[in-house]
Amino acid sequence: MSKEVVMEFNAFLEKCQSEPTVSDFESYLAYCIFEKKSAETSGKDEVTVEMYSSVRDQAFERRDEQAARLLYDLGDASSWKEGEWEGALR
């Protein structure tokens, strides 16, 4: 009966601004961008580690909303369920 809560951009932005760059949340984001995405796109529009690191630093450390929006889209975060990232660092 419980309704699954998905990640909206404002909640994602808040997480980016409150989480450290080394966290379950950030690890799950990287996993979604590099593992899930690369399996789907098979090489086209590939995100490099350097590009990801730069955009991640802007979103997490400089609180850049535009960078967070890019990560949100790249990681397909709109389909994430609440708490799905818990334990991703392990």
N, C-alpha and C. Protein backbone atom coordinates (compact mmCIF):
# COMPACT_ATOMS: atom_id res chain seq x y z
N MET A 1 0.80 -1.19 0.00
CA MET A 1 0.00 0.00 0.00
C MET A 1 0.85 1.26 0.00
N SER A 2 2.11 1.13 0.45
CA SER A 2 2.94 2.34 0.53
C SER A 2 3.33 2.83 -0.86
N LYS A 3 3.23 4.10 -1.02
CA LYS A 3 3.57 4.73 -2.30
C LYS A 3 5.08 4.93 -2.37
N GLU A 4 5.69 4.53 -3.47
CA GLU A 4 7.13 4.70 -3.63
C GLU A 4 7.44 6.15 -3.93
N VAL A 5 8.35 6.70 -3.18
CA VAL A 5 8.74 8.09 -3.36
C VAL A 5 9.94 8.12 -4.30
N VAL A 6 9.83 8.89 -5.36
CA VAL A 6 10.96 9.03 -6.28
C VAL A 6 11.68 10.34 -6.02
N MET A 7 12.89 10.43 -6.49
CA MET A 7 13.73 11.60 -6.24
C MET A 7 13.34 12.75 -7.17
N GLU A 8 12.90 13.84 -6.59
CA GLU A 8 12.63 15.05 -7.37
C GLU A 8 13.88 15.91 -7.36
N PHE A 9 13.98 16.82 -8.32
CA PHE A 9 15.21 17.61 -8.44
C PHE A 9 15.54 18.40 -7.18
N ASN A 10 14.54 19.02 -6.56
CA ASN A 10 14.82 19.82 -5.36
C ASN A 10 15.42 18.98 -4.24
N ALA A 11 14.94 17.76 -4.08
CA ALA A 11 15.50 16.85 -3.07
C ALA A 11 16.92 16.45 -3.45
N PHE A 12 17.14 16.22 -4.75
CA PHE A 12 18.47 15.87 -5.24
C PHE A 12 19.45 17.02 -4.99
N LEU A 13 19.02 18.23 -5.31
CA LEU A 13 19.86 19.41 -5.11
C LEU A 13 20.22 19.57 -3.63
N GLU A 14 19.24 19.36 -2.78
CA GLU A 14 19.48 19.46 -1.33
C GLU A 14 20.50 18.42 -0.88
N LYS A 15 20.41 17.20 -1.42
CA LYS A 15 21.38 16.15 -1.09
C LYS A 15 22.78 16.55 -1.56
N CYS A 16 22.87 17.09 -2.77
CA CYS A 16 24.18 17.52 -3.30
C CYS A 16 24.80 18.57 -2.38
N GLN A 17 23.97 19.45 -1.87
CA GLN A 17 24.46 20.56 -1.05
C GLN A 17 24.76 20.14 0.38
N SER A 18 24.24 19.00 0.83
CA SER A 18 24.44 18.59 2.21
C SER A 18 25.34 17.37 2.37
N GLU A 19 25.53 16.60 1.32
CA GLU A 19 26.34 15.39 1.39
C GLU A 19 27.79 15.69 1.01
N PRO A 20 28.74 14.97 1.61
CA PRO A 20 30.14 15.12 1.17
C PRO A 20 30.33 14.41 -0.17
N THR A 21 31.43 14.71 -0.85
CA THR A 21 31.68 14.06 -2.14
C THR A 21 32.00 12.58 -1.97
N VAL A 22 32.38 12.16 -0.78
CA VAL A 22 32.57 10.74 -0.51
C VAL A 22 31.44 10.30 0.42
N SER A 23 30.40 9.74 -0.19
CA SER A 23 29.21 9.33 0.57
C SER A 23 28.48 8.25 -0.21
N ASP A 24 27.53 7.59 0.46
CA ASP A 24 26.70 6.60 -0.23
C ASP A 24 25.97 7.25 -1.40
N PHE A 25 25.46 8.45 -1.16
CA PHE A 25 24.68 9.16 -2.18
C PHE A 25 25.53 9.42 -3.42
N GLU A 26 26.73 9.96 -3.23
CA GLU A 26 27.61 10.27 -4.37
C GLU A 26 28.07 8.99 -5.06
N SER A 27 28.35 7.95 -4.30
CA SER A 27 28.78 6.67 -4.89
C SER A 27 27.68 6.08 -5.76
N TYR A 28 26.45 6.18 -5.30
CA TYR A 28 25.32 5.66 -6.07
C TYR A 28 25.13 6.48 -7.35
N LEU A 29 25.30 7.78 -7.23
CA LEU A 29 25.22 8.66 -8.40
C LEU A 29 26.26 8.25 -9.44
N ALA A 30 27.50 8.05 -9.00
CA ALA A 30 28.57 7.64 -9.92
C ALA A 30 28.24 6.29 -10.54
N TYR A 31 27.73 5.37 -9.74
CA TYR A 31 27.34 4.04 -10.25
C TYR A 31 26.29 4.19 -11.35
N CYS A 32 25.29 5.01 -11.11
CA CYS A 32 24.22 5.20 -12.09
C CYS A 32 24.74 5.82 -13.38
N ILE A 33 25.67 6.74 -13.26
CA ILE A 33 26.21 7.41 -14.44
C ILE A 33 27.16 6.49 -15.21
N PHE A 34 28.05 5.80 -14.50
CA PHE A 34 29.07 5.01 -15.19
C PHE A 34 28.66 3.58 -15.48
N GLU A 35 28.00 2.92 -14.56
CA GLU A 35 27.65 1.51 -14.76
C GLU A 35 26.35 1.34 -15.51
N LYS A 36 25.28 1.90 -14.99
CA LYS A 36 23.97 1.74 -15.61
C LYS A 36 23.93 2.42 -16.97
N LYS A 37 24.39 3.66 -17.01
CA LYS A 37 24.30 4.47 -18.23
C LYS A 37 25.15 3.87 -19.35
N SER A 38 26.38 3.44 -19.03
CA SER A 38 27.25 2.92 -20.08
C SER A 38 26.68 1.63 -20.66
N ALA A 39 25.98 0.86 -19.86
CA ALA A 39 25.35 -0.36 -20.37
C ALA A 39 24.22 -0.01 -21.35
N GLU A 40 23.53 1.08 -21.09
CA GLU A 40 22.41 1.49 -21.94
C GLU A 40 22.87 2.18 -23.22
N THR A 41 23.90 3.03 -23.11
CA THR A 41 24.30 3.83 -24.26
C THR A 41 25.40 3.17 -25.08
N SER A 42 26.08 2.21 -24.53
CA SER A 42 27.19 1.50 -25.17
C SER A 42 28.12 2.40 -25.96
N GLY A 43 28.69 3.39 -25.27
CA GLY A 43 29.74 4.20 -25.88
C GLY A 43 29.36 5.58 -26.36
N LYS A 44 28.14 5.77 -26.82
CA LYS A 44 27.79 7.11 -27.31
C LYS A 44 27.48 8.03 -26.14
N ASP A 45 27.84 9.28 -26.27
CA ASP A 45 27.65 10.29 -25.22
C ASP A 45 28.26 9.86 -23.89
N GLU A 46 29.42 9.24 -23.96
CA GLU A 46 30.07 8.72 -22.76
C GLU A 46 30.58 9.85 -21.88
N VAL A 47 30.38 9.71 -20.60
CA VAL A 47 30.85 10.68 -19.61
C VAL A 47 32.22 10.23 -19.13
N THR A 48 33.20 11.12 -19.18
CA THR A 48 34.53 10.77 -18.69
C THR A 48 34.60 10.98 -17.18
N VAL A 49 35.55 10.32 -16.54
CA VAL A 49 35.75 10.48 -15.11
C VAL A 49 36.11 11.93 -14.80
N GLU A 50 36.92 12.53 -15.65
CA GLU A 50 37.33 13.92 -15.45
C GLU A 50 36.13 14.86 -15.51
N MET A 51 35.27 14.64 -16.49
CA MET A 51 34.08 15.48 -16.64
C MET A 51 33.17 15.30 -15.42
N TYR A 52 32.95 14.06 -15.02
CA TYR A 52 32.11 13.78 -13.87
C TYR A 52 32.67 14.44 -12.61
N SER A 53 33.97 14.30 -12.38
CA SER A 53 34.61 14.87 -11.19
C SER A 53 34.45 16.37 -11.13
N SER A 54 34.63 17.02 -12.27
CA SER A 54 34.51 18.47 -12.34
C SER A 54 33.08 18.92 -12.04
N VAL A 55 32.12 18.28 -12.67
CA VAL A 55 30.71 18.65 -12.48
C VAL A 55 30.27 18.31 -11.05
N ARG A 56 30.71 17.16 -10.55
CA ARG A 56 30.38 16.76 -9.17
C ARG A 56 30.90 17.79 -8.17
N ASP A 57 32.15 18.23 -8.35
CA ASP A 57 32.72 19.22 -7.44
C ASP A 57 31.92 20.53 -7.48
N GLN A 58 31.49 20.92 -8.67
CA GLN A 58 30.68 22.13 -8.79
C GLN A 58 29.35 21.97 -8.04
N ALA A 59 28.73 20.82 -8.20
CA ALA A 59 27.42 20.59 -7.58
C ALA A 59 27.52 20.40 -6.07
N PHE A 60 28.49 19.61 -5.63
CA PHE A 60 28.58 19.27 -4.21
C PHE A 60 29.30 20.34 -3.40
N GLU A 61 30.41 20.84 -3.91
CA GLU A 61 31.23 21.77 -3.12
C GLU A 61 30.87 23.23 -3.35
N ARG A 62 30.54 23.57 -4.59
CA ARG A 62 30.23 24.98 -4.90
C ARG A 62 28.73 25.24 -4.93
N ARG A 63 27.95 24.17 -4.72
CA ARG A 63 26.48 24.26 -4.68
C ARG A 63 25.88 24.86 -5.96
N ASP A 64 26.45 24.46 -7.08
CA ASP A 64 26.02 24.95 -8.38
C ASP A 64 24.77 24.19 -8.84
N GLU A 65 23.67 24.91 -8.97
CA GLU A 65 22.40 24.27 -9.33
C GLU A 65 22.42 23.70 -10.74
N GLN A 66 23.07 24.38 -11.67
CA GLN A 66 23.14 23.91 -13.05
C GLN A 66 23.93 22.60 -13.13
N ALA A 67 25.02 22.51 -12.38
CA ALA A 67 25.82 21.28 -12.34
C ALA A 67 25.00 20.14 -11.72
N ALA A 68 24.25 20.45 -10.67
CA ALA A 68 23.40 19.44 -10.03
C ALA A 68 22.34 18.94 -11.01
N ARG A 69 21.78 19.84 -11.80
CA ARG A 69 20.77 19.46 -12.80
C ARG A 69 21.37 18.49 -13.82
N LEU A 70 22.59 18.76 -14.25
CA LEU A 70 23.26 17.89 -15.21
C LEU A 70 23.46 16.49 -14.61
N LEU A 71 23.93 16.44 -13.37
CA LEU A 71 24.13 15.15 -12.70
C LEU A 71 22.80 14.42 -12.52
N TYR A 72 21.77 15.15 -12.17
CA TYR A 72 20.42 14.59 -11.99
C TYR A 72 19.96 13.91 -13.28
N ASP A 73 20.18 14.59 -14.39
CA ASP A 73 19.78 14.03 -15.69
C ASP A 73 20.67 12.86 -16.10
N LEU A 74 21.98 13.01 -15.94
CA LEU A 74 22.92 11.95 -16.33
C LEU A 74 22.70 10.67 -15.52
N GLY A 75 22.41 10.84 -14.24
CA GLY A 75 22.21 9.69 -13.36
C GLY A 75 20.80 9.15 -13.36
N ASP A 76 19.93 9.76 -14.18
CA ASP A 76 18.53 9.37 -14.25
C ASP A 76 17.92 9.33 -12.84
N ALA A 77 18.27 10.33 -12.04
CA ALA A 77 17.87 10.36 -10.63
C ALA A 77 16.36 10.51 -10.44
N SER A 78 15.66 10.93 -11.48
CA SER A 78 14.20 11.06 -11.35
C SER A 78 13.55 9.70 -11.11
N SER A 79 14.26 8.62 -11.40
CA SER A 79 13.70 7.28 -11.19
C SER A 79 14.19 6.63 -9.89
N TRP A 80 15.05 7.33 -9.14
CA TRP A 80 15.54 6.78 -7.87
C TRP A 80 14.43 6.73 -6.84
N LYS A 81 14.46 5.71 -6.03
CA LYS A 81 13.52 5.60 -4.91
C LYS A 81 14.23 6.02 -3.63
N GLU A 82 13.50 6.60 -2.71
CA GLU A 82 14.05 7.10 -1.45
C GLU A 82 14.90 6.03 -0.77
N GLY A 83 16.12 6.39 -0.42
CA GLY A 83 17.02 5.50 0.30
C GLY A 83 17.72 4.45 -0.55
N GLU A 84 17.48 4.45 -1.85
CA GLU A 84 18.06 3.46 -2.74
C GLU A 84 19.59 3.49 -2.71
N TRP A 85 20.15 4.63 -2.38
CA TRP A 85 21.60 4.80 -2.37
C TRP A 85 22.25 4.35 -1.06
N GLU A 86 21.44 4.04 -0.05
CA GLU A 86 21.99 3.65 1.25
C GLU A 86 22.90 2.43 1.10
N GLY A 87 24.11 2.52 1.63
CA GLY A 87 25.05 1.40 1.58
C GLY A 87 25.83 1.29 0.29
N ALA A 88 25.72 2.27 -0.59
CA ALA A 88 26.39 2.20 -1.89
C ALA A 88 27.91 2.23 -1.78
N LEU A 89 28.45 2.78 -0.71
CA LEU A 89 29.90 2.84 -0.54
C LEU A 89 30.50 1.48 -0.22
N ARG A 90 29.70 0.58 0.29
CA ARG A 90 30.22 -0.74 0.69
C ARG A 90 30.44 -1.64 -0.46
